[in-house]
Amino acid sequence: MGMTITEKIMARHAGRSDVTPGENIWCDIDVLMTHDICGPGTIGIFEERFGRDAKVFDPEKIVIVPDHYIFTADPRARRNIGILRDFAKRQGLRFFYDPDFIDIDSDGIPAPYADATTTSYRGVCHSALPQNGHTRPGEILLGTDSHTCTHGAFGELATGIGNTDAGFVMGTGKLWLKVPTTQKFVFNGELPPYLMAKDLILHVIGEIGFDGATYQAMEFTGDAVMSLNMEERCTICNMAIEAGGKSGIIAPDDVTIDYVNDRARENAPEFEIVESDSDAKYEAVCEFDVSKIEPTVAQPHCPDRRVLAREISDVKIDRSYIGSCTGGKTIDMIAAATVLDGQSVKVDTFIVPATTEVDCDLDSCKVNGKTLREIFVAAGCEVGPASCAACLGGPQDTFGRANKPVNVVSTTNRNFPGRMGHKEAGIFLASPLTAAASAITGYITDPREYYAPDKAVGLA
């Protein structure tokens, strides 16, 4: 019997020829990521168990990306940054993306990293990791964030872990992992121009439920998925956790390899392409015809409360939010701009680039001869600094936080009570196309009313 891509990766990292779902095995870890929320706790556990003077297993394989609560006056949040910076200096970590350094070079690109004292801030961890060469096929990447599954888009096993596990990995480079079963999701056909990856993954979650893939790998494939660029593939894998998935994963192809090679760091380790065997065993296989999928929304307060955008056109919104690791990438900004060009928003509309690189793209990428930033400003949007911002609510002064109950159409990935501030706020998850169209009308709006190109955005 053959193995899935996930099983193969785990077997190789355990030094074995094969593994079986349900087994618990020791795996060597290629990359450990943490950020300003969980980083201090992870460091505390590491130093408690291994000693304050102990060295991490490999300073080249630990990446620290402050991103959630960085633009705030909250002293407790700022204290977290100090803890991370001190640890990075003591350990000689090369990859601490310091929010006190936001350097842009003469070409409008974030300045390259140098060392732990001068490495510049890059933005949301799940977008910054691939942009800065930390995601590679065939590897295992663990992070203290549930949406670490994003990086399965690169054909690697990527999943979120807690502070205790992360502290152990920090000291040993290994972790005891259970081999998951795998569900396979096949999207057949040519992607219609009004659909984005967000619509596809919301459709899946609506089909199987928020617990439909609990502790399983979710493998995505099919012509529609493989036609997407890497940013859109990241969106699909990002939300595997919203169906309970242990990970999301897409087999690497030329699009993957080209992206990884273009972003490769000096002296980066070689990667190995891994694919599922034709006779691999799956827990379930679900197939979809993308021509039959329409712009989709997840209603409050769970990502599986699927509904078509056109079915709730009477729902009034107070805000539109376009940002986060799920909806703040360059392709998301381009999609929103194609809808907002020449229009005016009727509700407060926030544009938050995921990374400093995306922020630069707002001034270099154009739609109909105008830069993305020009389109957003002319439409009446408010453009914020690159960060997680309101996706996780955060301190009172976090950008875009709602201090009263409001309805928000959002390109983020989670709509639980309190996720974006007020616990009674209604968060409607949608694609950037739908969020932009809704900003124009003030109601949940099917983007086909404002967007009718002949080709979908986000195709490779």
Protein backbone atom coordinates (compact mmCIF):
# COMPACT_ATOMS: atom_id res chain seq x y z
CA MET A 1 0.00 0.00 0.00
CA GLY A 2 1.31 3.44 -0.95
CA MET A 3 1.57 6.47 1.31
CA THR A 4 0.19 9.99 1.20
CA ILE A 5 2.48 12.99 0.93
CA THR A 6 2.04 13.65 4.66
CA GLU A 7 2.90 10.08 5.62
CA LYS A 8 6.00 10.13 3.39
CA ILE A 9 7.29 13.35 4.92
CA MET A 10 6.81 12.06 8.44
CA ALA A 11 8.46 8.73 7.64
CA ARG A 12 11.52 10.42 6.21
CA HIS A 13 11.82 12.72 9.21
CA ALA A 14 11.61 9.72 11.51
CA GLY A 15 14.28 7.82 9.58
CA ARG A 16 11.80 5.17 8.51
CA SER A 17 10.70 3.68 5.21
CA ASP A 18 7.00 3.85 6.05
CA VAL A 19 4.51 4.87 8.70
CA THR A 20 0.86 4.10 9.42
CA PRO A 21 -1.86 6.57 10.49
CA GLY A 22 -2.32 6.46 14.25
CA GLU A 23 1.35 5.79 15.01
CA ASN A 24 3.26 8.13 17.31
CA ILE A 25 6.79 8.79 16.07
CA TRP A 26 9.77 11.02 16.81
CA CYS A 27 10.33 13.48 13.97
CA ASP A 28 13.24 15.79 13.23
CA ILE A 29 11.98 19.35 12.76
CA ASP A 30 13.27 21.66 10.02
CA VAL A 31 11.81 25.00 11.13
CA LEU A 32 10.27 26.28 14.38
CA MET A 33 8.35 29.56 14.23
CA THR A 34 6.98 31.60 17.09
CA HIS A 35 5.69 35.15 17.49
CA ASP A 36 4.96 37.87 20.03
CA ILE A 37 1.98 36.12 21.62
CA CYS A 38 3.42 32.67 22.26
CA GLY A 39 7.14 33.41 21.97
CA PRO A 40 7.70 34.56 25.57
CA GLY A 41 5.87 31.49 26.91
CA THR A 42 7.87 29.18 24.66
CA ILE A 43 11.13 30.79 25.75
CA GLY A 44 10.08 30.51 29.40
CA ILE A 45 9.46 26.77 29.07
CA PHE A 46 12.70 26.24 27.14
CA GLU A 47 14.75 28.04 29.80
CA GLU A 48 12.93 26.33 32.65
CA ARG A 49 13.57 22.84 31.26
CA PHE A 50 16.95 23.29 29.57
CA GLY A 51 18.45 26.17 31.56
CA ARG A 52 18.79 29.89 30.86
CA ASP A 53 22.29 29.37 29.51
CA ALA A 54 21.26 26.46 27.24
CA LYS A 55 21.57 26.93 23.49
CA VAL A 56 18.75 26.24 21.04
CA PHE A 57 19.09 23.17 18.83
CA ASP A 58 19.95 25.24 15.74
CA PRO A 59 19.86 29.06 15.60
CA GLU A 60 19.36 28.90 11.81
CA LYS A 61 16.13 26.91 12.17
CA ILE A 62 14.25 29.11 14.64
CA VAL A 63 12.28 32.03 13.21
CA ILE A 64 10.67 34.67 15.44
CA VAL A 65 8.15 36.99 13.80
CA PRO A 66 6.43 39.58 16.01
CA ASP A 67 3.23 40.51 14.20
CA HIS A 68 0.07 40.35 16.29
CA TYR A 69 0.30 43.20 18.82
CA ILE A 70 3.17 45.31 17.57
CA PHE A 71 1.49 48.62 16.71
CA THR A 72 0.16 49.32 20.16
CA ALA A 73 1.00 51.46 23.17
CA ASP A 74 0.04 48.60 25.48
CA PRO A 75 3.10 48.15 27.74
CA ARG A 76 2.46 44.44 28.21
CA ALA A 77 2.52 43.84 24.46
CA ARG A 78 5.68 45.92 24.11
CA ARG A 79 7.26 43.92 26.94
CA ASN A 80 6.78 40.76 24.87
CA ILE A 81 8.84 42.28 22.05
CA GLY A 82 11.63 43.01 24.50
CA ILE A 83 11.67 39.42 25.72
CA LEU A 84 11.94 38.13 22.16
CA ARG A 85 14.66 40.62 21.21
CA ASP A 86 16.74 39.76 24.27
CA PHE A 87 16.44 36.04 23.58
CA ALA A 88 17.36 36.47 19.92
CA LYS A 89 20.49 38.40 20.84
CA ARG A 90 21.59 35.93 23.50
CA GLN A 91 21.02 32.97 21.20
CA GLY A 92 22.44 34.61 18.09
CA LEU A 93 19.27 33.95 16.11
CA ARG A 94 19.56 35.13 12.54
CA PHE A 95 15.84 35.31 11.94
CA PHE A 96 14.26 37.65 14.45
CA TYR A 97 12.21 40.12 12.41
CA ASP A 98 12.41 43.13 14.70
CA PRO A 99 9.40 45.49 14.57
CA ASP A 100 11.67 48.39 15.59
CA PHE A 101 13.34 48.09 12.18
CA ILE A 102 11.18 48.71 9.12
CA ASP A 103 13.78 49.45 6.48
CA ILE A 104 12.99 49.94 2.80
CA ASP A 105 15.73 49.94 0.19
CA SER A 106 16.02 52.15 -2.89
CA ASP A 107 13.87 49.82 -4.95
CA GLY A 108 11.01 49.98 -2.48
CA ILE A 109 11.68 46.49 -1.14
CA PRO A 110 12.12 45.70 2.58
CA ALA A 111 15.82 45.72 3.39
CA PRO A 112 17.52 42.32 3.66
CA TYR A 113 18.15 40.74 7.03
CA ALA A 114 21.63 40.83 8.53
CA ASP A 115 21.62 39.63 12.12
CA ALA A 116 19.45 39.54 15.23
CA THR A 117 20.05 43.20 16.00
CA THR A 118 19.26 44.67 12.58
CA THR A 119 16.85 42.25 10.90
CA SER A 120 13.89 44.35 9.79
CA TYR A 121 10.22 43.77 10.47
CA ARG A 122 8.40 41.83 7.74
CA GLY A 123 4.75 41.51 8.79
CA VAL A 124 2.34 38.65 9.48
CA CYS A 125 4.27 35.44 10.15
CA HIS A 126 2.32 33.24 7.73
CA SER A 127 3.01 35.56 4.80
CA ALA A 128 6.49 36.58 5.91
CA LEU A 129 7.76 33.00 6.19
CA PRO A 130 7.37 32.11 2.50
CA GLN A 131 8.35 35.57 1.31
CA ASN A 132 11.63 35.27 3.19
CA GLY A 133 12.52 31.74 2.17
CA HIS A 134 11.50 29.69 5.21
CA THR A 135 9.05 27.34 3.46
CA ARG A 136 10.33 24.39 1.43
CA PRO A 137 8.80 21.21 0.02
CA GLY A 138 9.29 17.99 1.95
CA GLU A 139 10.13 19.66 5.26
CA ILE A 140 8.38 19.83 8.63
CA LEU A 141 7.58 23.33 9.85
CA LEU A 142 6.00 23.82 13.27
CA GLY A 143 4.71 27.08 14.70
CA THR A 144 3.03 28.34 17.85
CA ASP A 145 0.02 29.49 15.86
CA SER A 146 -2.94 27.46 14.70
CA HIS A 147 -2.72 28.82 11.16
CA THR A 148 0.78 27.45 10.64
CA CYS A 149 -1.00 24.94 8.39
CA THR A 150 -0.78 27.73 5.77
CA HIS A 151 2.64 26.48 4.71
CA GLY A 152 1.39 23.11 3.58
CA ALA A 153 0.78 24.99 0.34
CA PHE A 154 4.49 24.42 -0.33
CA GLY A 155 4.26 20.65 -0.10
CA GLU A 156 5.55 20.44 3.45
CA LEU A 157 4.01 19.26 6.70
CA ALA A 158 3.16 22.41 8.61
CA THR A 159 1.06 22.55 11.76
CA GLY A 160 0.52 24.52 14.93
CA ILE A 161 1.78 23.43 18.34
CA GLY A 162 1.57 24.75 21.89
CA ASN A 163 4.23 26.50 23.94
CA THR A 164 5.26 23.35 25.80
CA ASP A 165 5.92 21.41 22.61
CA ALA A 166 7.64 24.42 21.05
CA GLY A 167 9.93 24.76 24.08
CA PHE A 168 10.91 21.11 23.66
CA VAL A 169 11.57 21.54 19.94
CA MET A 170 13.63 24.65 20.69
CA GLY A 171 15.93 22.55 22.82
CA THR A 172 16.04 19.27 20.90
CA GLY A 173 14.94 19.82 17.31
CA LYS A 174 12.55 16.89 17.64
CA LEU A 175 8.91 16.27 18.51
CA TRP A 176 6.65 13.28 19.18
CA LEU A 177 3.95 13.43 16.50
CA LYS A 178 0.96 11.29 15.66
CA VAL A 179 0.61 10.28 12.01
CA PRO A 180 -2.77 11.63 10.84
CA THR A 181 -5.19 10.08 8.40
CA THR A 182 -5.76 12.12 5.25
CA GLN A 183 -8.84 13.45 3.49
CA LYS A 184 -8.42 14.40 -0.16
CA PHE A 185 -10.30 17.31 -1.73
CA VAL A 186 -10.32 17.52 -5.53
CA PHE A 187 -11.48 20.67 -7.33
CA ASN A 188 -12.18 19.90 -10.96
CA GLY A 189 -12.63 22.34 -13.81
CA GLU A 190 -11.50 25.84 -14.73
CA LEU A 191 -11.85 28.38 -11.94
CA PRO A 192 -14.55 30.97 -12.77
CA PRO A 193 -13.33 34.60 -12.66
CA TYR A 194 -15.62 35.49 -9.75
CA LEU A 195 -14.18 32.84 -7.43
CA MET A 196 -11.07 32.93 -5.26
CA ALA A 197 -9.36 30.40 -3.03
CA LYS A 198 -11.34 31.73 -0.08
CA ASP A 199 -14.59 30.64 -1.74
CA LEU A 200 -13.19 27.15 -2.29
CA ILE A 201 -12.08 26.57 1.29
CA LEU A 202 -15.28 28.05 2.75
CA HIS A 203 -17.18 25.65 0.51
CA VAL A 204 -15.19 22.70 1.88
CA ILE A 205 -15.66 23.73 5.50
CA GLY A 206 -19.37 24.18 4.89
CA GLU A 207 -19.50 20.67 3.45
CA ILE A 208 -17.68 18.79 6.22
CA GLY A 209 -18.23 21.07 9.22
CA PHE A 210 -15.87 22.79 11.63
CA ASP A 211 -14.85 19.40 13.06
CA GLY A 212 -15.02 17.40 9.83
CA ALA A 213 -11.26 16.88 9.56
CA THR A 214 -10.26 16.75 13.21
CA TYR A 215 -6.58 15.74 13.50
CA GLN A 216 -6.47 14.83 9.82
CA ALA A 217 -4.33 16.07 6.98
CA MET A 218 -6.39 17.85 4.32
CA GLU A 219 -4.84 17.29 0.90
CA PHE A 220 -6.01 19.63 -1.87
CA THR A 221 -5.64 18.95 -5.57
CA GLY A 222 -7.42 19.14 -8.93
CA ASP A 223 -7.03 21.40 -11.95
CA ALA A 224 -8.59 24.41 -10.21
CA VAL A 225 -6.23 24.21 -7.22
CA MET A 226 -3.11 23.54 -9.27
CA SER A 227 -3.90 26.52 -11.52
CA LEU A 228 -3.61 28.88 -8.54
CA ASN A 229 -0.53 30.89 -7.65
CA MET A 230 1.21 30.28 -4.31
CA GLU A 231 -0.59 33.06 -2.46
CA GLU A 232 -3.99 31.59 -3.28
CA ARG A 233 -2.81 28.09 -2.39
CA CYS A 234 -1.74 29.48 0.98
CA THR A 235 -5.28 30.76 1.56
CA ILE A 236 -6.69 27.27 1.07
CA CYS A 237 -4.24 25.56 3.43
CA ASN A 238 -4.47 28.40 5.96
CA MET A 239 -8.04 27.51 6.86
CA ALA A 240 -7.62 23.74 7.21
CA ILE A 241 -7.59 24.31 10.96
CA GLU A 242 -11.11 25.78 10.70
CA ALA A 243 -12.32 22.27 9.83
CA GLY A 244 -10.29 20.81 12.70
CA GLY A 245 -7.49 19.73 10.37
CA LYS A 246 -4.04 18.94 11.66
CA SER A 247 -2.63 20.31 8.43
CA GLY A 248 -3.45 21.33 4.90
CA ILE A 249 -1.17 20.31 2.07
CA ILE A 250 -0.81 20.69 -1.71
CA ALA A 251 1.70 18.66 -3.71
CA PRO A 252 4.52 20.80 -5.09
CA ASP A 253 4.74 21.53 -8.81
CA ASP A 254 6.68 23.92 -11.04
CA VAL A 255 4.79 26.88 -9.57
CA THR A 256 5.92 25.85 -6.09
CA ILE A 257 9.50 25.19 -7.10
CA ASP A 258 9.81 28.49 -8.98
CA TYR A 259 8.49 30.44 -5.98
CA VAL A 260 10.79 28.67 -3.52
CA ASN A 261 13.85 29.08 -5.73
CA ASP A 262 13.10 32.77 -6.29
CA ARG A 263 12.92 33.29 -2.52
CA ALA A 264 15.77 30.99 -1.53
CA ARG A 265 18.18 32.40 1.04
CA GLU A 266 21.92 32.10 0.76
CA ASN A 267 23.07 28.70 2.03
CA ALA A 268 19.46 27.52 2.33
CA PRO A 269 19.15 23.73 2.69
CA GLU A 270 18.20 21.69 -0.34
CA PHE A 271 14.62 20.49 -0.44
CA GLU A 272 13.09 17.23 -1.61
CA ILE A 273 9.92 16.92 -3.66
CA VAL A 274 7.40 14.53 -2.09
CA GLU A 275 4.10 13.43 -3.64
CA SER A 276 1.36 11.00 -2.69
CA ASP A 277 1.46 7.53 -4.22
CA SER A 278 -1.28 6.63 -6.68
CA ASP A 279 -2.39 3.82 -4.36
CA ALA A 280 -2.27 5.87 -1.15
CA LYS A 281 -5.13 5.26 1.27
CA TYR A 282 -7.41 8.17 2.15
CA GLU A 283 -9.98 8.47 4.91
CA ALA A 284 -12.26 10.10 2.34
CA VAL A 285 -12.10 11.68 -1.10
CA CYS A 286 -14.38 14.63 -1.90
CA GLU A 287 -14.68 15.99 -5.43
CA PHE A 288 -16.11 19.35 -6.49
CA ASP A 289 -16.99 20.93 -9.82
CA VAL A 290 -15.84 24.55 -9.47
CA SER A 291 -18.29 25.72 -12.14
CA LYS A 292 -21.06 24.96 -9.66
CA ILE A 293 -19.51 26.90 -6.76
CA GLU A 294 -20.61 30.50 -6.20
CA PRO A 295 -19.15 33.36 -4.09
CA THR A 296 -19.41 32.05 -0.54
CA VAL A 297 -19.68 33.60 2.92
CA ALA A 298 -19.33 32.13 6.40
CA GLN A 299 -21.86 33.66 8.79
CA PRO A 300 -21.19 34.39 12.48
CA HIS A 301 -20.02 32.74 14.61
CA CYS A 302 -18.41 29.71 12.98
CA PRO A 303 -16.52 29.18 9.69
CA ASP A 304 -18.79 26.30 8.70
CA ARG A 305 -21.97 28.44 8.60
CA ARG A 306 -21.76 28.55 4.83
CA VAL A 307 -24.13 30.56 2.70
CA LEU A 308 -23.98 32.03 -0.80
CA ALA A 309 -23.28 35.76 -0.89
CA ARG A 310 -26.36 36.36 -3.04
CA GLU A 311 -28.57 34.62 -0.46
CA ILE A 312 -27.86 37.20 2.27
CA SER A 313 -27.87 40.40 0.23
CA ASP A 314 -30.22 41.93 2.81
CA VAL A 315 -27.57 41.77 5.57
CA LYS A 316 -26.35 45.29 6.33
CA ILE A 317 -22.70 45.70 7.25
CA ASP A 318 -20.91 48.43 9.21
CA ARG A 319 -17.38 47.64 8.12
CA SER A 320 -15.37 45.89 5.48
CA TYR A 321 -11.96 44.51 6.42
CA ILE A 322 -9.44 43.36 3.80
CA GLY A 323 -6.28 42.00 5.37
CA SER A 324 -4.64 39.22 7.44
CA CYS A 325 -2.55 36.19 6.45
CA THR A 326 -5.64 34.88 4.66
CA GLY A 327 -6.70 38.02 2.84
CA GLY A 328 -3.90 40.59 2.98
CA LYS A 329 -1.52 39.22 0.37
CA THR A 330 -0.70 41.03 -2.86
CA ILE A 331 -3.15 38.95 -4.89
CA ASP A 332 -5.89 39.83 -2.39
CA MET A 333 -5.10 43.52 -2.74
CA ILE A 334 -5.22 43.26 -6.54
CA ALA A 335 -8.58 41.50 -6.35
CA ALA A 336 -10.03 44.16 -4.07
CA ALA A 337 -8.67 46.95 -6.25
CA THR A 338 -10.27 45.53 -9.40
CA VAL A 339 -13.66 45.87 -7.71
CA LEU A 340 -13.04 49.21 -5.95
CA ASP A 341 -11.53 51.01 -8.94
CA GLY A 342 -13.73 53.98 -9.75
CA GLN A 343 -16.11 53.23 -6.86
CA SER A 344 -16.74 54.77 -3.44
CA VAL A 345 -17.24 52.77 -0.28
CA LYS A 346 -20.34 53.32 1.84
CA VAL A 347 -18.94 51.85 5.06
CA ASP A 348 -15.65 52.12 6.92
CA THR A 349 -13.29 49.99 4.86
CA PHE A 350 -9.90 48.97 6.19
CA ILE A 351 -7.07 47.78 3.96
CA VAL A 352 -4.27 46.08 5.90
CA PRO A 353 -1.38 44.56 3.92
CA ALA A 354 -0.07 41.35 5.45
CA THR A 355 3.60 42.24 5.10
CA THR A 356 5.88 45.18 4.40
CA GLU A 357 6.48 43.67 0.97
CA VAL A 358 2.75 43.76 0.23
CA ASP A 359 2.69 47.34 1.51
CA CYS A 360 5.37 48.20 -1.08
CA ASP A 361 3.30 46.43 -3.73
CA LEU A 362 0.45 48.84 -3.06
CA ASP A 363 2.63 51.49 -4.71
CA SER A 364 4.17 49.36 -7.47
CA CYS A 365 1.30 47.13 -8.63
CA LYS A 366 -1.27 48.74 -10.89
CA VAL A 367 -4.84 48.08 -12.00
CA ASN A 368 -6.07 50.05 -15.00
CA GLY A 369 -3.00 52.28 -14.85
CA LYS A 370 -3.44 53.25 -11.18
CA THR A 371 -1.54 51.94 -8.20
CA LEU A 372 -3.43 49.84 -5.69
CA ARG A 373 -2.96 52.50 -3.02
CA GLU A 374 -4.32 55.21 -5.32
CA ILE A 375 -7.43 53.11 -5.97
CA PHE A 376 -8.01 52.39 -2.28
CA VAL A 377 -7.55 56.00 -1.19
CA ALA A 378 -9.76 57.32 -3.99
CA ALA A 379 -12.49 54.86 -2.98
CA GLY A 380 -12.40 56.16 0.60
CA CYS A 381 -10.62 53.23 2.25
CA GLU A 382 -8.28 53.54 5.21
CA VAL A 383 -4.93 51.84 4.65
CA GLY A 384 -3.14 50.59 7.76
CA PRO A 385 0.38 49.33 8.49
CA ALA A 386 1.34 45.74 7.73
CA SER A 387 0.41 43.49 10.64
CA CYS A 388 -2.23 41.10 11.98
CA ALA A 389 -4.09 44.22 13.18
CA ALA A 390 -7.78 43.63 13.89
CA CYS A 391 -7.81 39.95 12.87
CA LEU A 392 -7.25 38.99 16.51
CA GLY A 393 -8.82 42.00 18.22
CA GLY A 394 -5.98 42.61 20.63
CA PRO A 395 -5.34 45.71 22.74
CA GLN A 396 -7.86 48.56 22.73
CA ASP A 397 -5.82 50.58 20.25
CA THR A 398 -5.29 47.76 17.76
CA PHE A 399 -6.06 49.03 14.26
CA GLY A 400 -9.67 48.49 13.28
CA ARG A 401 -10.81 47.07 16.63
CA ALA A 402 -14.58 47.24 17.16
CA ASN A 403 -15.57 48.58 20.57
CA LYS A 404 -19.26 48.10 19.93
CA PRO A 405 -21.32 45.42 18.19
CA VAL A 406 -20.94 45.81 14.42
CA ASN A 407 -21.34 43.64 11.36
CA VAL A 408 -18.05 43.18 9.53
CA VAL A 409 -17.43 41.47 6.20
CA SER A 410 -13.86 40.28 6.48
CA THR A 411 -11.19 38.44 4.51
CA THR A 412 -9.82 36.98 7.75
CA ASN A 413 -10.02 33.31 8.70
CA ARG A 414 -11.98 33.06 11.94
CA ASN A 415 -15.29 34.55 13.04
CA PHE A 416 -15.69 33.38 16.64
CA PRO A 417 -17.25 35.79 19.17
CA GLY A 418 -14.71 38.47 20.15
CA ARG A 419 -12.31 37.58 17.38
CA MET A 420 -12.16 41.15 16.08
CA GLY A 421 -12.89 42.97 19.30
CA HIS A 422 -16.45 43.11 20.65
CA LYS A 423 -17.85 39.70 21.54
CA GLU A 424 -21.21 40.52 19.95
CA ALA A 425 -19.77 41.75 16.66
CA GLY A 426 -20.91 39.73 13.64
CA ILE A 427 -18.03 38.64 11.41
CA PHE A 428 -18.89 37.44 7.88
CA LEU A 429 -15.92 35.69 6.28
CA ALA A 430 -15.58 36.24 2.55
CA SER A 431 -13.14 36.61 -0.35
CA PRO A 432 -11.51 39.98 -1.13
CA LEU A 433 -13.82 40.27 -4.15
CA THR A 434 -16.90 39.85 -1.97
CA ALA A 435 -15.55 42.10 0.80
CA ALA A 436 -14.81 44.87 -1.71
CA ALA A 437 -18.20 44.60 -3.42
CA SER A 438 -19.92 44.69 -0.04
CA ALA A 439 -18.00 47.83 0.93
CA ILE A 440 -19.49 49.59 -2.09
CA THR A 441 -23.11 48.75 -1.28
CA GLY A 442 -23.07 48.53 2.50
CA TYR A 443 -24.64 45.08 2.31
CA ILE A 444 -23.26 41.57 1.75
CA THR A 445 -22.86 41.61 -2.03
CA ASP A 446 -22.08 39.00 -4.66
CA PRO A 447 -18.97 40.35 -6.46
CA ARG A 448 -20.44 39.46 -9.84
CA GLU A 449 -22.39 42.68 -9.56
CA TYR A 450 -19.14 44.67 -9.87
CA TYR A 451 -16.58 42.25 -11.28
CA ALA A 452 -16.82 40.56 -14.67
CA PRO A 453 -13.35 39.90 -16.14
CA ASP A 454 -12.59 36.98 -18.42
CA LYS A 455 -9.96 35.46 -16.12
CA ALA A 456 -9.83 34.70 -12.42
CA VAL A 457 -7.27 36.50 -10.28
CA GLY A 458 -4.63 34.38 -8.62
CA LEU A 459 -3.97 31.99 -11.48
CA ALA A 460 -0.37 30.82 -11.80
